[in-house]
Protein backbone atom coordinates (compact mmCIF):
# COMPACT_ATOMS: atom_id res chain seq x y z
CA MET A 1 181.51 136.78 66.37
CA ASN A 2 183.50 136.96 69.64
CA LYS A 3 184.82 134.05 71.57
CA ALA A 4 182.46 134.43 74.56
CA PHE A 5 179.38 134.21 72.36
CA LEU A 6 180.61 131.04 70.70
CA VAL A 7 181.20 129.46 74.08
CA SER A 8 177.65 130.35 75.23
CA LEU A 9 176.14 129.02 72.04
CA MET A 10 178.04 125.80 72.43
CA ALA A 11 176.82 125.42 76.03
CA VAL A 12 173.20 125.87 75.00
CA PHE A 13 173.60 123.33 72.25
CA VAL A 14 175.13 120.81 74.63
CA THR A 15 172.32 121.36 77.11
CA VAL A 16 169.66 120.83 74.47
CA ILE A 17 171.37 117.68 73.33
CA ALA A 18 171.57 116.46 76.92
CA MET A 19 167.89 117.20 77.62
CA THR A 20 166.87 115.49 74.40
CA SER A 21 168.90 112.46 75.40
CA VAL A 22 167.29 112.39 78.85
CA MET A 23 163.79 112.72 77.33
CA ALA A 24 164.59 109.98 74.83
CA ALA A 25 165.82 107.80 77.67
CA ASN A 26 162.52 108.36 79.54
CA THR A 27 160.31 107.77 76.50
CA LEU A 28 158.78 104.35 76.14
CA ASN A 29 159.60 102.79 72.81
CA VAL A 30 156.23 102.06 71.14
CA SER A 31 154.96 102.52 67.59
CA ASN A 32 151.87 102.21 65.40
CA VAL A 33 149.72 103.69 68.17
CA ALA A 34 146.02 103.70 67.19
CA MET A 35 143.14 105.15 69.23
CA THR A 36 139.52 104.01 68.79
CA VAL A 37 136.61 105.84 70.50
CA ASN A 38 133.07 104.51 70.20
CA GLY A 39 134.26 102.20 67.44
CA ILE A 40 135.82 105.06 65.39
CA GLU A 41 139.59 105.12 64.90
CA LEU A 42 140.99 108.63 65.36
CA SER A 43 143.95 110.50 63.93
CA SER A 44 145.60 113.31 65.85
CA SER A 45 143.54 115.84 63.88
CA ASP A 46 140.15 114.19 64.32
CA ILE A 47 137.57 115.29 66.94
CA ALA A 48 135.93 112.40 68.76
CA ALA A 49 132.25 112.96 69.62
CA GLY A 50 130.53 111.89 72.82
CA PHE A 51 127.33 112.69 74.67
CA ALA A 52 127.04 114.05 78.18
CA GLY A 53 126.77 111.37 80.84
CA GLU A 54 127.39 108.41 78.53
CA THR A 55 130.10 105.76 79.00
CA ILE A 56 132.29 105.42 75.96
CA PRO A 57 134.48 102.43 75.06
CA ILE A 58 138.13 103.19 74.32
CA LYS A 59 140.53 100.83 72.55
CA VAL A 60 144.30 101.45 72.29
CA VAL A 61 146.44 99.42 69.85
CA PHE A 62 150.25 99.70 69.74
CA THR A 63 153.44 97.78 68.95
CA ALA A 64 156.04 97.42 71.70
CA GLY A 65 159.61 98.37 70.72
CA GLU A 66 161.12 97.10 73.96
CA THR A 67 160.42 94.63 76.77
CA ALA A 68 159.15 96.05 80.08
CA SER A 69 157.39 94.90 83.23
CA ASP A 70 154.24 96.31 84.78
CA ALA A 71 153.08 98.21 81.70
CA ARG A 72 149.75 100.05 81.81
CA ILE A 73 147.56 102.20 79.55
CA LYS A 74 145.73 105.23 80.94
CA ALA A 75 143.19 107.50 79.29
CA GLU A 76 141.94 110.75 80.84
CA VAL A 77 139.74 113.66 79.90
CA THR A 78 141.43 116.96 80.69
CA GLY A 79 139.79 120.38 80.78
CA PHE A 80 136.90 119.38 83.05
CA LYS A 81 136.64 120.36 86.74
CA ASP A 82 136.68 116.73 87.93
CA ASP A 83 139.19 114.03 87.12
CA ILE A 84 137.79 111.60 84.55
CA SER A 85 140.16 108.74 83.85
CA GLY A 86 140.51 105.01 83.47
CA LYS A 87 143.37 102.56 83.14
CA THR A 88 144.09 98.92 82.41
CA GLU A 89 145.54 96.29 84.68
CA ARG A 90 149.33 95.84 84.65
CA PHE A 91 150.76 93.52 81.99
CA LYS A 92 154.15 92.30 80.73
CA MET A 93 155.15 94.12 77.52
CA LEU A 94 157.31 92.09 75.13
CA SER A 95 159.29 93.73 72.34
CA GLY A 96 157.86 93.21 68.83
CA SER A 97 154.35 92.30 70.10
CA THR A 98 151.27 94.26 69.11
CA TYR A 99 148.79 94.87 71.92
CA SER A 100 145.13 95.85 71.98
CA ARG A 101 143.61 96.92 75.31
CA THR A 102 140.04 98.11 75.87
CA PHE A 103 138.42 100.01 78.77
CA SER A 104 135.82 102.78 79.20
CA LEU A 105 135.31 106.31 80.45
CA THR A 106 132.12 108.00 81.72
CA LEU A 107 131.78 111.50 80.30
CA PRO A 108 130.62 114.45 82.46
CA ALA A 109 126.82 115.01 82.64
CA ASP A 110 126.83 118.64 83.68
CA ILE A 111 128.04 120.56 80.62
CA ASP A 112 126.92 123.45 78.45
CA LEU A 113 125.35 122.68 75.09
CA SER A 114 128.71 121.37 73.85
CA GLU A 115 132.25 121.56 75.18
CA ASP A 116 135.68 120.63 73.82
CA TYR A 117 138.14 118.56 75.89
CA SER A 118 141.45 116.89 75.45
CA LEU A 119 141.62 113.08 75.56
CA LYS A 120 145.11 112.08 76.65
CA VAL A 121 146.39 108.50 76.26
CA THR A 122 149.49 107.40 78.18
CA ILE A 123 151.31 104.07 77.82
CA TYR A 124 153.73 103.75 80.74
CA THR A 125 155.90 101.51 82.91
CA GLN A 126 157.59 102.25 86.21
CA ASP A 127 160.19 104.59 84.68
CA LYS A 128 159.08 105.32 81.09
CA GLU A 129 156.02 106.60 79.32
CA PHE A 130 154.56 107.47 75.91
CA GLU A 131 151.86 110.15 75.65
CA GLN A 132 149.53 111.17 72.83
CA ASN A 133 146.62 113.66 72.78
CA TYR A 134 143.32 113.64 70.87
CA LYS A 135 140.45 116.05 70.65
CA LEU A 136 137.08 115.22 72.27
CA ARG A 137 133.80 117.13 71.96
CA VAL A 138 131.03 116.33 74.41
CA GLN A 139 127.49 117.47 73.59
CA ARG A 140 124.04 117.10 75.08
CA ASP A 141 121.32 114.76 73.83
CA SER A 142 118.69 116.64 71.85
CA TYR A 143 115.87 116.14 74.36
CA ASN A 144 116.59 115.34 77.99
CA VAL A 145 114.71 116.53 81.10
CA GLU A 146 116.26 115.87 84.49
CA LEU A 147 114.47 115.65 87.83
CA LEU A 148 117.03 117.78 89.55
CA SER A 149 115.41 117.62 92.99
CA ILE A 150 112.51 115.92 94.80
CA ASP A 151 112.21 117.32 98.34
CA SER A 152 109.59 116.27 100.90
CA ASP A 153 109.23 115.19 104.52
CA ASN A 154 110.43 111.66 105.08
CA GLU A 155 107.42 110.95 107.32
CA VAL A 156 103.74 111.76 106.82
CA GLU A 157 100.58 111.00 108.81
CA ALA A 158 97.69 109.08 107.30
CA GLY A 159 94.84 111.41 106.37
CA SER A 160 97.18 114.37 105.77
CA GLN A 161 98.88 115.79 102.67
CA LEU A 162 102.42 115.19 101.49
CA ALA A 163 104.10 118.27 100.02
CA LEU A 164 106.56 117.62 97.17
CA ASP A 165 108.98 120.33 95.96
CA ILE A 166 110.07 119.31 92.47
CA VAL A 167 112.79 120.94 90.37
CA LEU A 168 113.17 120.18 86.63
CA LYS A 169 116.13 121.12 84.44
CA ASN A 170 116.57 120.94 80.68
CA ARG A 171 119.71 118.88 80.09
CA GLY A 172 119.09 118.59 76.35
CA TYR A 173 120.34 120.49 73.33
CA GLU A 174 116.86 121.62 72.21
CA ARG A 175 113.94 123.45 73.85
CA LEU A 176 111.42 121.39 75.83
CA ASP A 177 107.81 122.53 75.37
CA ASP A 178 104.76 121.77 77.55
CA LEU A 179 106.35 119.75 80.31
CA PHE A 180 104.12 117.89 82.78
CA VAL A 181 104.91 116.08 86.02
CA ILE A 182 102.91 113.19 87.52
CA ALA A 183 103.51 112.24 91.17
CA ARG A 184 102.00 109.03 92.44
CA ILE A 185 102.11 106.43 95.20
CA PRO A 186 100.99 103.26 93.38
CA GLU A 187 100.41 101.14 96.51
CA LEU A 188 97.99 103.72 97.93
CA GLY A 189 96.32 104.54 94.60
CA VAL A 190 97.01 108.30 94.81
CA GLU A 191 98.16 110.48 91.91
CA LYS A 192 98.50 114.16 90.99
CA ARG A 193 99.55 115.95 87.80
CA ALA A 194 100.99 119.47 87.33
CA TYR A 195 102.01 121.62 84.39
CA PHE A 196 105.66 122.88 84.36
CA GLU A 197 105.45 124.97 81.15
CA ASP A 198 108.49 125.23 78.80
CA LEU A 199 112.24 124.93 79.46
CA THR A 200 115.03 126.29 77.26
CA PRO A 201 118.47 124.67 76.90
CA LYS A 202 119.94 127.60 78.84
CA ASP A 203 118.61 130.71 80.56
CA GLU A 204 117.55 133.47 78.16
CA ASN A 205 118.62 137.02 79.02
CA VAL A 206 115.78 138.80 77.22
CA ASP A 207 112.32 140.13 78.08
CA ASN A 208 109.76 137.44 78.78
CA ALA A 209 112.66 135.02 78.90
CA LYS A 210 112.34 131.34 79.60
CA ASP A 211 114.60 129.54 82.07
CA ASP A 212 116.37 126.19 81.78
CA SER A 213 114.90 125.05 85.11
CA SER A 214 111.51 125.21 86.88
CA GLU A 215 110.24 124.49 90.39
CA ARG A 216 106.71 123.58 91.58
CA ARG A 217 105.09 122.35 94.80
CA MET A 218 102.68 119.42 94.48
CA PHE A 219 100.48 117.79 97.17
CA LEU A 220 99.49 114.15 97.48
CA SER A 221 96.60 113.25 99.79
CA ILE A 222 97.43 110.21 101.92
CA PRO A 223 94.33 108.08 102.56
CA GLN A 224 93.04 108.04 106.10
CA ASN A 225 93.00 104.23 106.13
CA ALA A 226 96.54 103.89 104.80
CA GLU A 227 98.49 101.28 106.70
CA GLU A 228 101.72 102.20 108.45
CA GLY A 229 104.81 101.42 106.40
CA VAL A 230 107.32 102.63 103.84
CA TYR A 231 106.06 103.61 100.34
CA GLN A 232 107.71 104.71 97.14
CA VAL A 233 106.70 108.10 95.68
CA GLU A 234 107.21 107.98 91.92
CA VAL A 235 107.70 111.22 90.01
CA THR A 236 107.65 111.30 86.20
CA ALA A 237 108.48 114.37 84.11
CA TYR A 238 107.51 114.17 80.43
CA ASN A 239 106.44 115.86 77.23
CA SER A 240 106.07 114.62 73.67
CA ASP A 241 109.87 114.35 73.19
CA THR A 242 111.24 112.89 76.41
CA GLU A 243 110.39 111.23 79.73
CA THR A 244 112.24 110.54 82.94
CA THR A 245 111.22 108.99 86.29
CA ALA A 246 112.70 109.11 89.78
CA SER A 247 111.45 107.83 93.15
CA LYS A 248 111.68 108.71 96.80
CA ALA A 249 110.82 106.62 99.91
CA ILE A 250 108.47 108.03 102.58
CA SER A 251 107.09 106.56 105.82
CA VAL A 252 103.36 106.70 106.60
CA THR A 253 102.51 106.84 110.34
CA GLY A 254 99.51 107.45 112.57
CA THR A 255 97.33 104.66 111.23
CA LYS A 256 97.50 102.23 114.14
CA ALA A 257 94.07 102.96 115.60
CA ILE A 258 94.10 100.73 118.70
CA SER A 259 97.25 100.60 120.75
CA ASN A 260 95.69 98.65 123.63
CA ILE A 261 92.61 96.83 124.91
CA ILE A 262 91.90 96.77 128.64
CA ALA A 263 89.40 94.40 130.23
CA PRO A 264 88.93 95.35 133.90
CA VAL A 265 87.28 92.03 134.83
CA LEU A 266 87.91 88.84 132.90
CA THR A 267 85.92 86.39 135.05
CA LYS A 268 82.44 86.68 136.58
CA GLU A 269 80.12 84.39 138.53
CA ILE A 270 76.67 84.03 136.97
CA SER A 271 73.67 82.10 138.19
CA ALA A 272 71.89 79.86 135.72
CA GLY A 273 69.50 82.01 133.68
CA GLU A 274 71.07 85.25 134.93
CA THR A 275 72.46 87.99 132.66
CA LYS A 276 75.58 89.97 133.54
CA THR A 277 77.55 92.63 131.61
CA TYR A 278 81.24 92.44 130.84
CA GLU A 279 83.26 95.48 129.80
CA MET A 280 86.36 96.15 127.69
CA VAL A 281 88.02 99.48 126.95
CA LEU A 282 89.30 100.28 123.43
CA ILE A 283 92.17 102.80 123.52
CA ASN A 284 92.97 104.67 120.29
CA ARG A 285 96.34 106.34 120.52
CA GLY A 286 96.39 107.06 116.80
CA LYS A 287 95.85 110.39 115.10
CA THR A 288 92.76 109.36 113.13
CA MET A 289 89.36 108.02 114.11
CA GLY A 290 89.10 104.24 114.31
CA VAL A 291 86.07 102.19 113.25
CA TYR A 292 85.90 98.68 114.74
CA GLU A 293 83.69 95.64 114.51
CA ILE A 294 82.93 93.66 117.68
CA ALA A 295 82.52 90.01 116.82
CA VAL A 296 81.68 87.11 119.17
CA GLU A 297 83.02 83.61 118.91
CA SER A 298 80.34 80.99 119.73
CA ALA A 299 80.35 79.75 123.34
CA ASP A 300 78.79 76.68 124.94
CA ASN A 301 75.97 77.29 127.51
CA LEU A 302 76.30 81.09 127.12
CA VAL A 303 74.38 83.64 125.11
CA VAL A 304 76.84 86.51 124.34
CA VAL A 305 75.50 89.73 122.78
CA PRO A 306 77.57 92.96 122.42
CA GLN A 307 75.53 96.10 123.06
CA GLU A 308 77.22 97.66 119.99
CA SER A 309 78.50 95.63 117.06
CA ILE A 310 80.17 98.65 115.37
CA VAL A 311 82.20 101.03 117.58
CA THR A 312 83.90 104.31 116.58
CA VAL A 313 86.72 105.67 118.72
CA PRO A 314 87.96 109.23 118.07
CA ALA A 315 91.70 109.88 117.73
CA ASP A 316 93.69 109.86 120.95
CA SER A 317 90.72 108.76 123.07
CA SER A 318 89.01 105.63 124.41
CA LYS A 319 85.58 104.00 124.61
CA THR A 320 84.03 101.30 126.76
CA VAL A 321 82.36 98.38 124.98
CA LYS A 322 79.72 96.38 126.94
CA ILE A 323 78.87 92.74 126.34
CA ASP A 324 75.80 91.07 127.86
CA VAL A 325 76.22 87.44 128.81
CA THR A 326 73.31 85.16 129.78
CA ALA A 327 74.08 81.78 131.41
CA GLY A 328 72.33 78.57 130.49
CA ASP A 329 71.12 75.90 132.96
CA LYS A 330 74.40 73.92 132.98
CA LYS A 331 76.74 74.55 135.89
CA GLY A 332 80.44 74.92 135.26
CA THR A 333 83.14 77.23 133.89
CA TYR A 334 82.73 78.46 130.32
CA SER A 335 84.84 80.79 128.17
CA PHE A 336 83.97 83.06 125.32
CA ALA A 337 86.04 85.37 123.09
CA ILE A 338 85.50 88.84 121.64
CA ASN A 339 87.33 89.74 118.41
CA VAL A 340 88.01 93.40 117.63
CA ASN A 341 88.36 93.89 113.84
CA SER A 342 89.23 96.93 111.75
CA ASP A 343 89.41 97.17 107.95
CA GLY A 344 88.84 93.43 107.72
CA LYS A 345 91.80 92.63 109.95
CA ASN A 346 91.78 91.34 113.53
CA ILE A 347 93.23 93.89 115.92
CA LYS A 348 92.96 91.77 119.07
CA LYS A 349 91.16 88.76 120.52
CA GLN A 350 90.10 89.09 124.18
CA THR A 351 89.00 85.98 126.15
CA PHE A 352 86.54 86.07 129.12
CA THR A 353 85.27 83.41 131.57
CA ALA A 354 81.86 82.81 133.17
CA ASN A 355 81.44 80.57 136.24
CA VAL A 356 77.83 79.31 136.09
CA VAL A 357 76.60 78.45 139.63
CA GLY A 358 73.34 77.98 141.69
CA ASN A 359 69.98 76.43 140.84
CA SER A 360 68.53 77.19 137.49
CA THR A 361 65.64 79.64 137.49
CA VAL A 362 64.61 77.97 134.26
CA SER A 363 62.35 74.84 134.52
CA SER A 364 62.33 71.87 132.26
CA PHE A 365 59.34 73.45 130.55
CA GLY A 366 61.51 76.07 128.96
CA ASN A 367 60.46 79.60 129.77
CA VAL A 368 57.76 78.72 132.41
CA THR A 369 59.02 79.52 135.90
CA VAL A 370 58.49 77.34 138.98
CA LEU A 371 56.17 79.94 140.44
CA THR A 372 53.98 79.86 137.37
CA VAL A 373 53.74 76.08 137.60
CA VAL A 374 52.72 76.19 141.28
CA LEU A 375 50.04 78.81 140.66
CA GLY A 376 48.70 76.77 137.80
CA ILE A 377 48.37 73.68 139.98
CA VAL A 378 46.56 75.62 142.69
CA PHE A 379 44.23 77.08 140.07
CA VAL A 380 43.37 73.61 138.72
CA VAL A 381 42.65 72.20 142.22
CA LEU A 382 40.34 75.11 143.08
CA LEU A 383 38.58 74.72 139.77
CA ILE A 384 37.94 71.02 140.41
CA VAL A 385 36.58 71.71 143.90
CA LEU A 386 34.28 74.39 142.50
CA ILE A 387 32.98 72.03 139.85
CA ILE A 388 32.25 69.32 142.46
CA LEU A 389 30.38 71.73 144.67
CA LEU A 390 28.29 73.07 141.83
CA THR A 391 27.33 69.64 140.52
CA ARG A 392 26.41 68.08 143.89
CA LYS A 393 22.51 67.73 144.45
CA PRO A 394 20.95 68.61 147.88
CA SER A 395 19.28 65.68 149.88
CA LYS A 396 15.40 65.16 149.99
CA GLU A 397 15.25 65.42 153.71
CA SER A 398 16.76 68.80 153.61
CA LEU A 399 14.16 70.00 151.10
CA GLU A 400 11.18 68.83 153.21
CA GLU A 401 12.37 70.63 156.26
CA SER A 402 12.48 73.84 154.35
CA TYR A 403 8.66 73.96 154.01
CA TYR A 404 7.98 74.12 157.69
């Protein structure tokens, strides 16, 4: 063995010793480290089990071999595309004390049937750390269907159909047979069911293969009389083994039948006993036909009668409503109101005024006119005169003269 080789060997040995010393200097002095996952204490050779998407509790117990400030414990799942980690708050570590700290990690939801990961635990301060690795296997629940997507328009008109594009995916370990989907809007009382067939845990690459996902389009009929507003569409996917529900908000529009009421003339002058016609225009700017009830509030000294008590106004059009008003025999200013109702709710209340003027064409005898009374009196007088003339006897002198 030559001298140069011995020198090189000695240099390597010194370097290794130096690196070991540096590593030892940077290693946090802890002992009796114990790792518990889901209540099960693990050794370095054990495989911890977890299920996709679940949140697992992790407890780390250790004994401090030195005193240090700002100590922390961190756990992380490595081997997955996204960072999954959690850590404790900082704490003062005192030599000789045994610590137990608990926190949690949420496992990935999007995995194959089962996948193996590394669960790394690190106890560290500002300049030192201790690291230990454990094995973690994440697997799917046996039966789990996911509503991967619910797509639809955010706004729909009353009286039309809402199209729902629904995508299901099998997130379970086992096959899902005979899947159904029910879509409903509870507040409107509408519901539809569709069959989504079977879903396998993963796509099959064989003839007549089944897929792990399925898409269908469903239609919900929005009632024509649905009120404007925001509603929740509930979608439930289920079979005999599993069930899941998701919801989506939609806005129903186009149900406001009357956007305005126009009354060209609000006040008219009416003679006592006279009848005049008032008009009001119903304007429907909605996209569905409106059906309205015309109701009259009672008015003093006026008889108010709408020519139509039920009025239909086609979508995006208008209609004139006529109201006949007959004045009584009392002079003065009187008001009356017309209520426009739809679906049991008041759309608008319109007030009109009638100025009752002039002599009444109605006598105190009710419906007998003054002319009728005058003619009656004349008839009675003539009748009395006729009776007198007929009952009067001719004189004797007049009879004798008639013989000559």
